[in-house]
Structures are given as structure tokens and as C-alpha cells.
Amino acid sequence: MTVLMKDDKHFPKLYRGSDAASNAAQADHFKLQRAHLVCLVLASLAGAIASGLQAPAKGVVSVIAVIFILGALAIFWIIRSRRNDKTWFDCRAVAESVKTATWRFVIGVPPFQRSLSNNEAEKAFIDELKDIRNARPGMEIKMLGKIENIADEITAEMRTVRKFGLATRKKIYLETRLINQKNWYLNKASFHKQEATYWVKAVVVLHILAVGLGIAYVTCLGWPLNPIPTIVAVAGALLTWTQSKRHDELAQSYSMAGQELVELKSLVDVKKSDKDFCELVKQVEEACSREHTMWCARREVKVQVLNMARKR
């Protein structure tokens, strides 16, 4: 049997739109940030080169340094005006909230319990999506063009899974949500741990290089170029980059969330009744929401949306 709810196309239009908008905004944010840091480093390098030249070459290189500085300033203004980071955070909060609500709906977790009629459950789900969307006014404009306009909020796959018996819903949820999310958290934790180690080593090497070149520059007075400011600028750029990525924080939080899902996964087989399984699903979705609430808190994003699925 083909596993349903495996692809994004099986999820509501609001999820797909906010997920695509979040990914696009994240990519744009880091592209601009990289460009800003590169311009600053190149300006430092051009300035260092200019200091060791004679006119008129010195004037030409100095002008190039100024151009890089102006470029960095322009990119900084674009970053501040576009606020791609805010779009990224807001749309990600919406996407994760919709995904949690979707899984609660297809499994039958309150307020979408299977005792409700199809119309009642679907109305409750649409009301939930409205609450999530209304908590982020103006977000719809960010989603324009991200997905096809004919997409549905309640897909045929969602309705199909909701009608299945307990055994089939358990299989789909285990394979498509719980294990998938667990692996995602643990893989991301490993990735961010490796990245944090890599960039820390790079910064340490640059500091050692700056010290070594500084000693050489002092002892070899014939050098026309002082490399220390450029090395320091590169080290500062790398530090800024790693801080924006927050590798250490994410490695820790993803590891904790992944371990919690590992523990919950071991309880799936012992949940023999619909009620008990729905309670487990509720715990899993709360674990995912808890991690994302922490993610939002670190970025000073309102967590109102993430709490909606648990307020009832």
C-alpha cells in the first residue's frame, strides 16, 4: 500500500504556502548576509593592499575599498528593509502549527475526534487554520505564487487516512510522522554539531595565523602589506556567520527533541485502543511544538500560533 501523507502535496494549502515562503525567505536572508560579510572582508583587504601601494595605484585601490564599503552598507539596508528573517520565522511558525493540526485531524485527536461527523470535524479544522492564519496578518502576501491556487486545505489523502482503522492509522503515523520527524531531528543535531566544530576550528586557525603573521610583520619590517586587519576581518565575519546559524543551540535542542521522540516511539506498539493512541499522538505533537516554541523564543517570535493546537 502506498504510504499516504508522505508528500507535502498531501497537506493543506496553508502549510505548503507557508513552508515554501519560509524556505525562500530563509535562503534570501542568508544570501544577503553572506554578501554583506564578503563586502566587508573585501573592503578590509582592499584597504590593506592600498596601504602598501604608491600613487596613483593607491588611489584606485582605495576607491575600490570605498565601493565595497558602500556595497556592504547598501546590502545592510536591504536586509533591514526586507526583513526576510521575520518572514522566515513567521511562516515557519505557521507551517509547523498547520502540520501539527493536520496530524491531529487525520488521526482523530481532539478537537477533531472521530466521534464527530465529517462536516463537524472538517469545520473545526478549517476554524483552526483560520486562527493560525489570522495570528499572522499580512502573511498571505508572502505566499503568493508559492503554490498552485487550486490547492485544497483538506486534501483527499487527509480524508482517506482519517477513515482508516486504528492499525492503518498507527502505521501511517509511525512511518510518516514520528520516525520521519525523529530522524530529521537527530540528523539535524548531528549536522549542526559538526558545523559548530568546523567553524570554531576555522576561527581558531585564523587567530593563530594572525598572531604568526603579526610576529612576522614586526620582525620583517620590509613587508609592504600588513595582513593582520584582513585576517581579523575574516575571523569576525566567520564568527558573525556562525552566530546567525546558531549551530550549538540547534544541535542541543534538536538532540533533545529527537531523543524524546525515540522514547515515545517505543510506546506505539502498546497503544491498543484508539483513545490511548490519540493520547500518544498528542504527546508527540506537543514534543514537536515544544521544540519549535523554543526555536521561536530564541528568535523572539510570538508563540501564540504554536499554542493554538493545545489550547482546547
C-alpha atoms as a PDB file:
ATOM      1  CA  MET A   1       0.000   0.000   0.000  1.00  0.00           C
ATOM      2  CA  THR A   2       1.259   3.457  -0.875  1.00  0.00           C
ATOM      3  CA  VAL A   3       2.005   5.411   2.286  1.00  0.00           C
ATOM      4  CA  LEU A   4      -0.259   8.447   2.421  1.00  0.00           C
ATOM      5  CA  MET A   5       0.671  11.818   3.967  1.00  0.00           C
ATOM      6  CA  LYS A   6       4.225  11.271   2.759  1.00  0.00           C
ATOM      7  CA  ASP A   7       4.479  14.265   0.434  1.00  0.00           C
ATOM      8  CA  ASP A   8       3.795  17.952   1.035  1.00  0.00           C
ATOM      9  CA  LYS A   9       1.044  17.819  -1.596  1.00  0.00           C
ATOM     10  CA  HIS A  10      -0.997  15.717   0.849  1.00  0.00           C
ATOM     11  CA  PHE A  11      -1.062  18.611   3.337  1.00  0.00           C
ATOM     12  CA  PRO A  12      -3.223  21.765   3.409  1.00  0.00           C
ATOM     13  CA  LYS A  13      -2.598  24.635   1.048  1.00  0.00           C
ATOM     14  CA  LEU A  14      -1.738  26.868   4.022  1.00  0.00           C
ATOM     15  CA  TYR A  15       1.053  24.510   5.043  1.00  0.00           C
ATOM     16  CA  ARG A  16       2.557  24.277   1.572  1.00  0.00           C
ATOM     17  CA  GLY A  17       2.386  28.009   1.006  1.00  0.00           C
ATOM     18  CA  SER A  18       3.878  28.977   4.369  1.00  0.00           C
ATOM     19  CA  ASP A  19       6.560  26.279   4.121  1.00  0.00           C
ATOM     20  CA  ALA A  20       7.614  27.448   0.644  1.00  0.00           C
ATOM     21  CA  ALA A  21       7.563  31.109   1.723  1.00  0.00           C
ATOM     22  CA  SER A  22       9.642  30.305   4.809  1.00  0.00           C
ATOM     23  CA  ASN A  23      12.255  28.380   2.820  1.00  0.00           C
ATOM     24  CA  ALA A  24      12.510  31.156   0.213  1.00  0.00           C
ATOM     25  CA  ALA A  25      12.840  33.882   2.848  1.00  0.00           C
ATOM     26  CA  GLN A  26      15.478  31.882   4.736  1.00  0.00           C
ATOM     27  CA  ALA A  27      17.534  31.394   1.569  1.00  0.00           C
ATOM     28  CA  ASP A  28      17.291  35.105   0.681  1.00  0.00           C
ATOM     29  CA  HIS A  29      18.219  36.145   4.220  1.00  0.00           C
ATOM     30  CA  PHE A  30      21.431  34.130   4.272  1.00  0.00           C
ATOM     31  CA  LYS A  31      22.358  35.110   0.702  1.00  0.00           C
ATOM     32  CA  LEU A  32      22.206  38.775   1.668  1.00  0.00           C
ATOM     33  CA  GLN A  33      24.060  38.168   4.906  1.00  0.00           C
ATOM     34  CA  ARG A  34      26.855  36.333   3.077  1.00  0.00           C
ATOM     35  CA  ALA A  35      27.096  39.147   0.535  1.00  0.00           C
ATOM     36  CA  HIS A  36      27.291  41.728   3.350  1.00  0.00           C
ATOM     37  CA  LEU A  37      30.111  39.908   5.133  1.00  0.00           C
ATOM     38  CA  VAL A  38      32.030  39.293   1.897  1.00  0.00           C
ATOM     39  CA  CYS A  39      31.869  43.005   1.031  1.00  0.00           C
ATOM     40  CA  LEU A  40      33.256  43.924   4.459  1.00  0.00           C
ATOM     41  CA  VAL A  41      36.112  41.449   4.144  1.00  0.00           C
ATOM     42  CA  LEU A  42      36.951  42.624   0.605  1.00  0.00           C
ATOM     43  CA  ALA A  43      36.883  46.243   1.781  1.00  0.00           C
ATOM     44  CA  SER A  44      39.368  45.363   4.524  1.00  0.00           C
ATOM     45  CA  LEU A  45      41.569  43.522   2.021  1.00  0.00           C
ATOM     46  CA  ALA A  46      41.490  46.401  -0.473  1.00  0.00           C
ATOM     47  CA  GLY A  47      42.347  48.860   2.298  1.00  0.00           C
ATOM     48  CA  ALA A  48      45.289  46.730   3.394  1.00  0.00           C
ATOM     49  CA  ILE A  49      46.574  46.469  -0.181  1.00  0.00           C
ATOM     50  CA  ALA A  50      46.166  50.213  -0.725  1.00  0.00           C
ATOM     51  CA  SER A  51      48.314  50.948   2.310  1.00  0.00           C
ATOM     52  CA  GLY A  52      51.294  49.289   0.645  1.00  0.00           C
ATOM     53  CA  LEU A  53      50.938  50.959  -2.767  1.00  0.00           C
ATOM     54  CA  GLN A  54      52.091  54.210  -4.244  1.00  0.00           C
ATOM     55  CA  ALA A  55      50.009  56.744  -6.153  1.00  0.00           C
ATOM     56  CA  PRO A  56      48.151  56.502  -8.456  1.00  0.00           C
ATOM     57  CA  ALA A  57      47.527  52.770  -7.779  1.00  0.00           C
ATOM     58  CA  LYS A  58      46.916  53.551  -4.119  1.00  0.00           C
ATOM     59  CA  GLY A  59      44.073  55.896  -5.012  1.00  0.00           C
ATOM     60  CA  VAL A  60      42.461  53.359  -7.357  1.00  0.00           C
ATOM     61  CA  VAL A  61      42.515  50.555  -4.789  1.00  0.00           C
ATOM     62  CA  SER A  62      41.256  52.939  -2.096  1.00  0.00           C
ATOM     63  CA  VAL A  63      38.296  53.789  -4.301  1.00  0.00           C
ATOM     64  CA  ILE A  64      37.620  50.056  -4.692  1.00  0.00           C
ATOM     65  CA  ALA A  65      37.669  49.696  -0.901  1.00  0.00           C
ATOM     66  CA  VAL A  66      35.137  52.514  -0.597  1.00  0.00           C
ATOM     67  CA  ILE A  67      32.925  50.839  -3.210  1.00  0.00           C
ATOM     68  CA  PHE A  68      32.934  47.622  -1.192  1.00  0.00           C
ATOM     69  CA  ILE A  69      32.032  49.566   1.952  1.00  0.00           C
ATOM     70  CA  LEU A  70      29.155  51.272   0.154  1.00  0.00           C
ATOM     71  CA  GLY A  71      28.073  47.885  -1.195  1.00  0.00           C
ATOM     72  CA  ALA A  72      28.062  46.461   2.337  1.00  0.00           C
ATOM     73  CA  LEU A  73      26.030  49.450   3.531  1.00  0.00           C
ATOM     74  CA  ALA A  74      23.507  49.016   0.705  1.00  0.00           C
ATOM     75  CA  ILE A  75      23.121  45.304   1.433  1.00  0.00           C
ATOM     76  CA  PHE A  76      22.688  46.041   5.145  1.00  0.00           C
ATOM     77  CA  TRP A  77      19.900  48.485   4.289  1.00  0.00           C
ATOM     78  CA  ILE A  78      18.235  45.833   2.103  1.00  0.00           C
ATOM     79  CA  ILE A  79      18.447  43.302   4.938  1.00  0.00           C
ATOM     80  CA  ARG A  80      16.825  45.733   7.355  1.00  0.00           C
ATOM     81  CA  SER A  81      14.112  46.839   4.933  1.00  0.00           C
ATOM     82  CA  ARG A  82      13.109  43.442   3.565  1.00  0.00           C
ATOM     83  CA  ARG A  83      13.103  41.668   6.933  1.00  0.00           C
ATOM     84  CA  ASN A  84      13.411  38.270   5.302  1.00  0.00           C
ATOM     85  CA  ASP A  85      14.256  36.843   8.706  1.00  0.00           C
ATOM     86  CA  LYS A  86      10.844  37.892  10.072  1.00  0.00           C
ATOM     87  CA  THR A  87       9.089  36.320   7.081  1.00  0.00           C
ATOM     88  CA  TRP A  88      11.155  33.170   7.569  1.00  0.00           C
ATOM     89  CA  PHE A  89      10.289  32.894  11.278  1.00  0.00           C
ATOM     90  CA  ASP A  90       6.596  33.796  10.942  1.00  0.00           C
ATOM     91  CA  CYS A  91       5.946  31.479   8.005  1.00  0.00           C
ATOM     92  CA  ARG A  92       7.831  28.640   9.684  1.00  0.00           C
ATOM     93  CA  ALA A  93       5.727  29.059  12.829  1.00  0.00           C
ATOM     94  CA  VAL A  94       2.566  28.886  10.725  1.00  0.00           C
ATOM     95  CA  ALA A  95       3.764  25.857   8.746  1.00  0.00           C
ATOM     96  CA  GLU A  96       4.645  23.867  11.864  1.00  0.00           C
ATOM     97  CA  SER A  97       1.355  24.760  13.535  1.00  0.00           C
ATOM     98  CA  VAL A  98      -0.607  23.666  10.470  1.00  0.00           C
ATOM     99  CA  LYS A  99       1.335  20.398  10.266  1.00  0.00           C
ATOM    100  CA  THR A 100       0.570  19.633  13.910  1.00  0.00           C
ATOM    101  CA  ALA A 101      -3.127  20.460  13.413  1.00  0.00           C
ATOM    102  CA  THR A 102      -3.200  18.285  10.279  1.00  0.00           C
ATOM    103  CA  TRP A 103      -1.859  15.216  12.045  1.00  0.00           C
ATOM    104  CA  ARG A 104      -4.269  15.696  14.932  1.00  0.00           C
ATOM    105  CA  PHE A 105      -7.098  15.910  12.394  1.00  0.00           C
ATOM    106  CA  VAL A 106      -6.203  12.802  10.379  1.00  0.00           C
ATOM    107  CA  ILE A 107      -5.597  10.680  13.491  1.00  0.00           C
ATOM    108  CA  GLY A 108      -8.688  11.989  15.300  1.00  0.00           C
ATOM    109  CA  VAL A 109      -7.123  13.755  18.260  1.00  0.00           C
ATOM    110  CA  PRO A 110      -9.442  16.287  19.994  1.00  0.00           C
ATOM    111  CA  PRO A 111     -10.800  18.719  18.958  1.00  0.00           C
ATOM    112  CA  PHE A 112     -11.077  16.612  15.794  1.00  0.00           C
ATOM    113  CA  GLN A 113     -12.148  13.354  17.473  1.00  0.00           C
ATOM    114  CA  ARG A 114     -13.553  10.634  15.265  1.00  0.00           C
ATOM    115  CA  SER A 115     -16.853  10.721  17.126  1.00  0.00           C
ATOM    116  CA  LEU A 116     -17.608  13.965  15.267  1.00  0.00           C
ATOM    117  CA  SER A 117     -19.315  13.853  11.905  1.00  0.00           C
ATOM    118  CA  ASN A 118     -17.155  14.556   8.870  1.00  0.00           C
ATOM    119  CA  ASN A 119     -18.694  18.007   8.472  1.00  0.00           C
ATOM    120  CA  GLU A 120     -18.150  18.873  12.147  1.00  0.00           C
ATOM    121  CA  ALA A 121     -14.535  17.695  12.152  1.00  0.00           C
ATOM    122  CA  GLU A 122     -13.709  19.492   8.906  1.00  0.00           C
ATOM    123  CA  LYS A 123     -15.339  22.698  10.110  1.00  0.00           C
ATOM    124  CA  ALA A 124     -13.290  22.526  13.329  1.00  0.00           C
ATOM    125  CA  PHE A 125     -10.131  22.009  11.285  1.00  0.00           C
ATOM    126  CA  ILE A 126     -10.841  24.932   8.959  1.00  0.00           C
ATOM    127  CA  ASP A 127     -11.550  27.119  12.012  1.00  0.00           C
ATOM    128  CA  GLU A 128      -8.164  26.074  13.397  1.00  0.00           C
ATOM    129  CA  LEU A 129      -6.451  27.094  10.166  1.00  0.00           C
ATOM    130  CA  LYS A 130      -8.239  30.447  10.259  1.00  0.00           C
ATOM    131  CA  ASP A 131      -6.976  31.050  13.796  1.00  0.00           C
ATOM    132  CA  ILE A 132      -3.444  30.200  12.759  1.00  0.00           C
ATOM    133  CA  ARG A 133      -3.593  32.423   9.667  1.00  0.00           C
ATOM    134  CA  ASN A 134      -5.243  35.344  11.492  1.00  0.00           C
ATOM    135  CA  ALA A 135      -2.468  35.342  14.085  1.00  0.00           C
ATOM    136  CA  ARG A 136      -0.079  36.383  11.293  1.00  0.00           C
ATOM    137  CA  PRO A 137      -1.912  39.187   9.436  1.00  0.00           C
ATOM    138  CA  GLY A 138      -0.412  40.030   6.063  1.00  0.00           C
ATOM    139  CA  MET A 139       1.316  36.697   5.727  1.00  0.00           C
ATOM    140  CA  GLU A 140      -0.801  35.744   2.710  1.00  0.00           C
ATOM    141  CA  ILE A 141       1.099  38.198   0.508  1.00  0.00           C
ATOM    142  CA  LYS A 142       4.316  36.265   1.235  1.00  0.00           C
ATOM    143  CA  MET A 143       2.718  33.062  -0.056  1.00  0.00           C
ATOM    144  CA  LEU A 144       1.638  34.421  -3.432  1.00  0.00           C
ATOM    145  CA  GLY A 145       2.987  32.356  -6.295  1.00  0.00           C
ATOM    146  CA  LYS A 146       4.484  29.723  -3.991  1.00  0.00           C
ATOM    147  CA  ILE A 147       1.877  27.032  -4.766  1.00  0.00           C
ATOM    148  CA  GLU A 148      -0.952  26.426  -7.196  1.00  0.00           C
ATOM    149  CA  ASN A 149      -4.158  28.343  -6.468  1.00  0.00           C
ATOM    150  CA  ILE A 150      -6.321  25.239  -6.884  1.00  0.00           C
ATOM    151  CA  ALA A 151      -4.786  23.503  -3.860  1.00  0.00           C
ATOM    152  CA  ASP A 152      -7.176  22.398  -1.098  1.00  0.00           C
ATOM    153  CA  GLU A 153      -6.991  22.939   2.637  1.00  0.00           C
ATOM    154  CA  ILE A 154      -8.401  19.459   3.289  1.00  0.00           C
ATOM    155  CA  THR A 155      -6.894  17.057   0.776  1.00  0.00           C
ATOM    156  CA  ALA A 156      -8.287  13.725  -0.367  1.00  0.00           C
ATOM    157  CA  GLU A 157      -5.386  11.964   1.375  1.00  0.00           C
ATOM    158  CA  MET A 158      -6.280  13.602   4.695  1.00  0.00           C
ATOM    159  CA  ARG A 159      -9.886  12.415   4.419  1.00  0.00           C
ATOM    160  CA  THR A 160      -8.760   8.925   3.431  1.00  0.00           C
ATOM    161  CA  VAL A 161      -6.369   8.475   6.352  1.00  0.00           C
ATOM    162  CA  ARG A 162      -8.962   9.762   8.804  1.00  0.00           C
ATOM    163  CA  LYS A 163     -11.366   6.979   7.703  1.00  0.00           C
ATOM    164  CA  PHE A 164      -8.846   4.162   8.201  1.00  0.00           C
ATOM    165  CA  GLY A 165      -8.935   1.812  11.168  1.00  0.00           C
ATOM    166  CA  LEU A 166      -6.569   2.088  14.103  1.00  0.00           C
ATOM    167  CA  ALA A 167      -3.909  -0.293  12.754  1.00  0.00           C
ATOM    168  CA  THR A 168      -3.549   1.536   9.456  1.00  0.00           C
ATOM    169  CA  ARG A 169      -3.522   4.983  11.054  1.00  0.00           C
ATOM    170  CA  LYS A 170      -0.857   3.808  13.503  1.00  0.00           C
ATOM    171  CA  LYS A 171       1.302   2.531  10.636  1.00  0.00           C
ATOM    172  CA  ILE A 172       0.958   5.737   8.636  1.00  0.00           C
ATOM    173  CA  TYR A 173       1.631   7.977  11.637  1.00  0.00           C
ATOM    174  CA  LEU A 174       4.602   5.911  12.796  1.00  0.00           C
ATOM    175  CA  GLU A 175       6.305   5.787   9.405  1.00  0.00           C
ATOM    176  CA  THR A 176       5.359   9.168   8.006  1.00  0.00           C
ATOM    177  CA  ARG A 177       5.357  11.426  11.043  1.00  0.00           C
ATOM    178  CA  LEU A 178       7.028  10.000  14.148  1.00  0.00           C
ATOM    179  CA  ILE A 179      10.002   8.194  12.601  1.00  0.00           C
ATOM    180  CA  ASN A 180      10.425  10.835   9.909  1.00  0.00           C
ATOM    181  CA  GLN A 181      10.474  13.659  12.455  1.00  0.00           C
ATOM    182  CA  LYS A 182      12.741  11.732  14.828  1.00  0.00           C
ATOM    183  CA  ASN A 183      15.274  11.104  12.070  1.00  0.00           C
ATOM    184  CA  TRP A 184      15.063  14.731  10.965  1.00  0.00           C
ATOM    185  CA  TYR A 185      15.831  15.995  14.475  1.00  0.00           C
ATOM    186  CA  LEU A 186      18.707  13.581  15.057  1.00  0.00           C
ATOM    187  CA  ASN A 187      20.256  14.175  11.616  1.00  0.00           C
ATOM    188  CA  LYS A 188      19.999  17.936  12.065  1.00  0.00           C
ATOM    189  CA  ALA A 189      21.514  17.684  15.550  1.00  0.00           C
ATOM    190  CA  SER A 190      24.486  15.784  14.128  1.00  0.00           C
ATOM    191  CA  PHE A 191      24.826  18.246  11.238  1.00  0.00           C
ATOM    192  CA  HIS A 192      24.807  21.339  13.471  1.00  0.00           C
ATOM    193  CA  LYS A 193      27.258  19.752  15.915  1.00  0.00           C
ATOM    194  CA  GLN A 194      29.684  19.088  13.056  1.00  0.00           C
ATOM    195  CA  GLU A 195      29.201  22.578  11.639  1.00  0.00           C
ATOM    196  CA  ALA A 196      29.801  24.195  15.043  1.00  0.00           C
ATOM    197  CA  THR A 197      33.040  22.233  15.460  1.00  0.00           C
ATOM    198  CA  TYR A 198      34.192  23.072  11.923  1.00  0.00           C
ATOM    199  CA  TRP A 199      33.643  26.827  12.213  1.00  0.00           C
ATOM    200  CA  VAL A 200      35.175  27.036  15.694  1.00  0.00           C
ATOM    201  CA  LYS A 201      38.305  25.339  14.369  1.00  0.00           C
ATOM    202  CA  ALA A 202      38.372  27.730  11.404  1.00  0.00           C
ATOM    203  CA  VAL A 203      38.184  30.779  13.686  1.00  0.00           C
ATOM    204  CA  VAL A 204      40.928  29.399  15.976  1.00  0.00           C
ATOM    205  CA  VAL A 205      43.176  28.761  12.955  1.00  0.00           C
ATOM    206  CA  LEU A 206      42.635  32.323  11.743  1.00  0.00           C
ATOM    207  CA  HIS A 207      43.568  33.714  15.151  1.00  0.00           C
ATOM    208  CA  ILE A 208      46.746  31.646  15.223  1.00  0.00           C
ATOM    209  CA  LEU A 209      47.517  32.746  11.660  1.00  0.00           C
ATOM    210  CA  ALA A 210      47.010  36.393  12.625  1.00  0.00           C
ATOM    211  CA  VAL A 211      49.415  36.024  15.541  1.00  0.00           C
ATOM    212  CA  GLY A 212      52.013  34.315  13.379  1.00  0.00           C
ATOM    213  CA  LEU A 213      51.743  36.866  10.585  1.00  0.00           C
ATOM    214  CA  GLY A 214      51.791  39.681  13.124  1.00  0.00           C
ATOM    215  CA  ILE A 215      55.084  38.452  14.545  1.00  0.00           C
ATOM    216  CA  ALA A 216      56.484  38.060  11.036  1.00  0.00           C
ATOM    217  CA  TYR A 217      55.334  41.560  10.092  1.00  0.00           C
ATOM    218  CA  VAL A 218      57.027  43.101  13.107  1.00  0.00           C
ATOM    219  CA  THR A 219      60.279  41.218  12.615  1.00  0.00           C
ATOM    220  CA  CYS A 220      60.348  41.704   8.828  1.00  0.00           C
ATOM    221  CA  LEU A 221      59.978  45.446   8.506  1.00  0.00           C
ATOM    222  CA  GLY A 222      60.344  45.241   4.752  1.00  0.00           C
ATOM    223  CA  TRP A 223      56.796  43.934   4.263  1.00  0.00           C
ATOM    224  CA  PRO A 224      54.730  46.498   2.351  1.00  0.00           C
ATOM    225  CA  LEU A 225      51.440  44.906   3.405  1.00  0.00           C
ATOM    226  CA  ASN A 226      50.034  44.338   6.901  1.00  0.00           C
ATOM    227  CA  PRO A 227      47.842  41.217   6.649  1.00  0.00           C
ATOM    228  CA  ILE A 228      46.533  41.296  10.229  1.00  0.00           C
ATOM    229  CA  PRO A 229      43.454  43.556   9.681  1.00  0.00           C
ATOM    230  CA  THR A 230      42.231  41.352   6.836  1.00  0.00           C
ATOM    231  CA  ILE A 231      42.722  38.131   8.820  1.00  0.00           C
ATOM    232  CA  VAL A 232      40.874  39.669  11.766  1.00  0.00           C
ATOM    233  CA  ALA A 233      38.066  40.801   9.450  1.00  0.00           C
ATOM    234  CA  VAL A 234      37.694  37.265   8.077  1.00  0.00           C
ATOM    235  CA  ALA A 235      37.615  35.827  11.610  1.00  0.00           C
ATOM    236  CA  GLY A 236      34.979  38.382  12.614  1.00  0.00           C
ATOM    237  CA  ALA A 237      32.892  37.529   9.559  1.00  0.00           C
ATOM    238  CA  LEU A 238      33.038  33.822  10.385  1.00  0.00           C
ATOM    239  CA  LEU A 239      32.012  34.500  13.978  1.00  0.00           C
ATOM    240  CA  THR A 240      29.064  36.570  12.799  1.00  0.00           C
ATOM    241  CA  TRP A 241      28.066  33.829  10.367  1.00  0.00           C
ATOM    242  CA  THR A 242      28.199  31.070  12.997  1.00  0.00           C
ATOM    243  CA  GLN A 243      26.209  33.175  15.457  1.00  0.00           C
ATOM    244  CA  SER A 244      23.492  33.716  12.857  1.00  0.00           C
ATOM    245  CA  LYS A 245      23.353  29.960  12.210  1.00  0.00           C
ATOM    246  CA  ARG A 246      23.242  29.124  15.962  1.00  0.00           C
ATOM    247  CA  HIS A 247      24.763  25.700  15.436  1.00  0.00           C
ATOM    248  CA  ASP A 248      25.392  24.943  19.125  1.00  0.00           C
ATOM    249  CA  GLU A 249      21.873  25.869  20.225  1.00  0.00           C
ATOM    250  CA  LEU A 250      20.222  23.924  17.433  1.00  0.00           C
ATOM    251  CA  ALA A 251      22.395  20.859  17.989  1.00  0.00           C
ATOM    252  CA  GLN A 252      21.292  20.738  21.609  1.00  0.00           C
ATOM    253  CA  SER A 253      17.586  21.428  21.082  1.00  0.00           C
ATOM    254  CA  TYR A 254      17.269  19.054  18.107  1.00  0.00           C
ATOM    255  CA  SER A 255      19.074  16.322  20.026  1.00  0.00           C
ATOM    256  CA  MET A 256      16.689  16.686  22.969  1.00  0.00           C
ATOM    257  CA  ALA A 257      13.613  16.656  20.722  1.00  0.00           C
ATOM    258  CA  GLY A 258      14.889  13.642  18.790  1.00  0.00           C
ATOM    259  CA  GLN A 259      15.570  11.693  21.976  1.00  0.00           C
ATOM    260  CA  GLU A 260      12.088  12.476  23.273  1.00  0.00           C
ATOM    261  CA  LEU A 261      10.577  11.103  20.052  1.00  0.00           C
ATOM    262  CA  VAL A 262      12.757   7.977  20.354  1.00  0.00           C
ATOM    263  CA  GLU A 263      11.194   7.352  23.761  1.00  0.00           C
ATOM    264  CA  LEU A 264       7.658   7.986  22.506  1.00  0.00           C
ATOM    265  CA  LYS A 265       8.215   5.693  19.506  1.00  0.00           C
ATOM    266  CA  SER A 266       8.816   2.776  21.872  1.00  0.00           C
ATOM    267  CA  LEU A 267       5.263   3.206  23.203  1.00  0.00           C
ATOM    268  CA  VAL A 268       3.446   2.888  19.873  1.00  0.00           C
ATOM    269  CA  ASP A 269       3.006  -0.887  19.976  1.00  0.00           C
ATOM    270  CA  VAL A 270       1.491  -0.880  23.479  1.00  0.00           C
ATOM    271  CA  LYS A 271      -1.257   1.549  22.488  1.00  0.00           C
ATOM    272  CA  LYS A 272      -4.068  -0.867  21.685  1.00  0.00           C
ATOM    273  CA  SER A 273      -7.083   1.441  21.823  1.00  0.00           C
ATOM    274  CA  ASP A 274      -7.983   4.449  19.723  1.00  0.00           C
ATOM    275  CA  LYS A 275      -8.097   6.618  22.836  1.00  0.00           C
ATOM    276  CA  ASP A 276      -4.632   5.570  24.014  1.00  0.00           C
ATOM    277  CA  PHE A 277      -3.109   6.060  20.589  1.00  0.00           C
ATOM    278  CA  CYS A 278      -4.647   9.532  20.254  1.00  0.00           C
ATOM    279  CA  GLU A 279      -3.088  10.412  23.604  1.00  0.00           C
ATOM    280  CA  LEU A 280       0.313   9.288  22.309  1.00  0.00           C
ATOM    281  CA  VAL A 281      -0.133  11.341  19.133  1.00  0.00           C
ATOM    282  CA  LYS A 282      -0.967  14.322  21.310  1.00  0.00           C
ATOM    283  CA  GLN A 283       2.298  13.813  23.232  1.00  0.00           C
ATOM    284  CA  VAL A 284       4.323  13.538  20.019  1.00  0.00           C
ATOM    285  CA  GLU A 285       2.795  16.699  18.555  1.00  0.00           C
ATOM    286  CA  GLU A 286       3.345  18.544  21.829  1.00  0.00           C
ATOM    287  CA  ALA A 287       7.005  17.483  21.758  1.00  0.00           C
ATOM    288  CA  CYS A 288       7.362  18.865  18.224  1.00  0.00           C
ATOM    289  CA  SER A 289       5.529  22.062  19.183  1.00  0.00           C
ATOM    290  CA  ARG A 290       7.687  22.435  22.294  1.00  0.00           C
ATOM    291  CA  GLU A 291      10.882  22.316  20.267  1.00  0.00           C
ATOM    292  CA  HIS A 292       9.554  24.831  17.790  1.00  0.00           C
ATOM    293  CA  THR A 293       8.302  27.073  20.597  1.00  0.00           C
ATOM    294  CA  MET A 294      11.881  27.144  21.898  1.00  0.00           C
ATOM    295  CA  TRP A 295      13.090  27.877  18.352  1.00  0.00           C
ATOM    296  CA  CYS A 296      10.724  30.837  18.156  1.00  0.00           C
ATOM    297  CA  ALA A 297      11.622  32.071  21.641  1.00  0.00           C
ATOM    298  CA  ARG A 298      15.319  32.213  20.721  1.00  0.00           C
ATOM    299  CA  ARG A 299      14.371  34.414  17.782  1.00  0.00           C
ATOM    300  CA  GLU A 300      11.849  36.500  19.724  1.00  0.00           C
ATOM    301  CA  VAL A 301       8.938  35.264  17.597  1.00  0.00           C
ATOM    302  CA  LYS A 302       5.482  35.231  19.146  1.00  0.00           C
ATOM    303  CA  VAL A 303       4.472  31.703  20.144  1.00  0.00           C
ATOM    304  CA  GLN A 304       0.726  32.330  20.039  1.00  0.00           C
ATOM    305  CA  VAL A 305       0.282  30.223  16.917  1.00  0.00           C
ATOM    306  CA  LEU A 306       2.155  27.263  18.294  1.00  0.00           C
ATOM    307  CA  ASN A 307      -0.038  27.079  21.375  1.00  0.00           C
ATOM    308  CA  MET A 308      -3.319  27.028  19.500  1.00  0.00           C
ATOM    309  CA  ALA A 309      -3.316  23.313  18.903  1.00  0.00           C
ATOM    310  CA  ARG A 310      -3.032  22.735  22.659  1.00  0.00           C
ATOM    311  CA  LYS A 311      -5.448  25.337  23.986  1.00  0.00           C
ATOM    312  CA  ARG A 312      -8.553  23.178  23.611  1.00  0.00           C
END
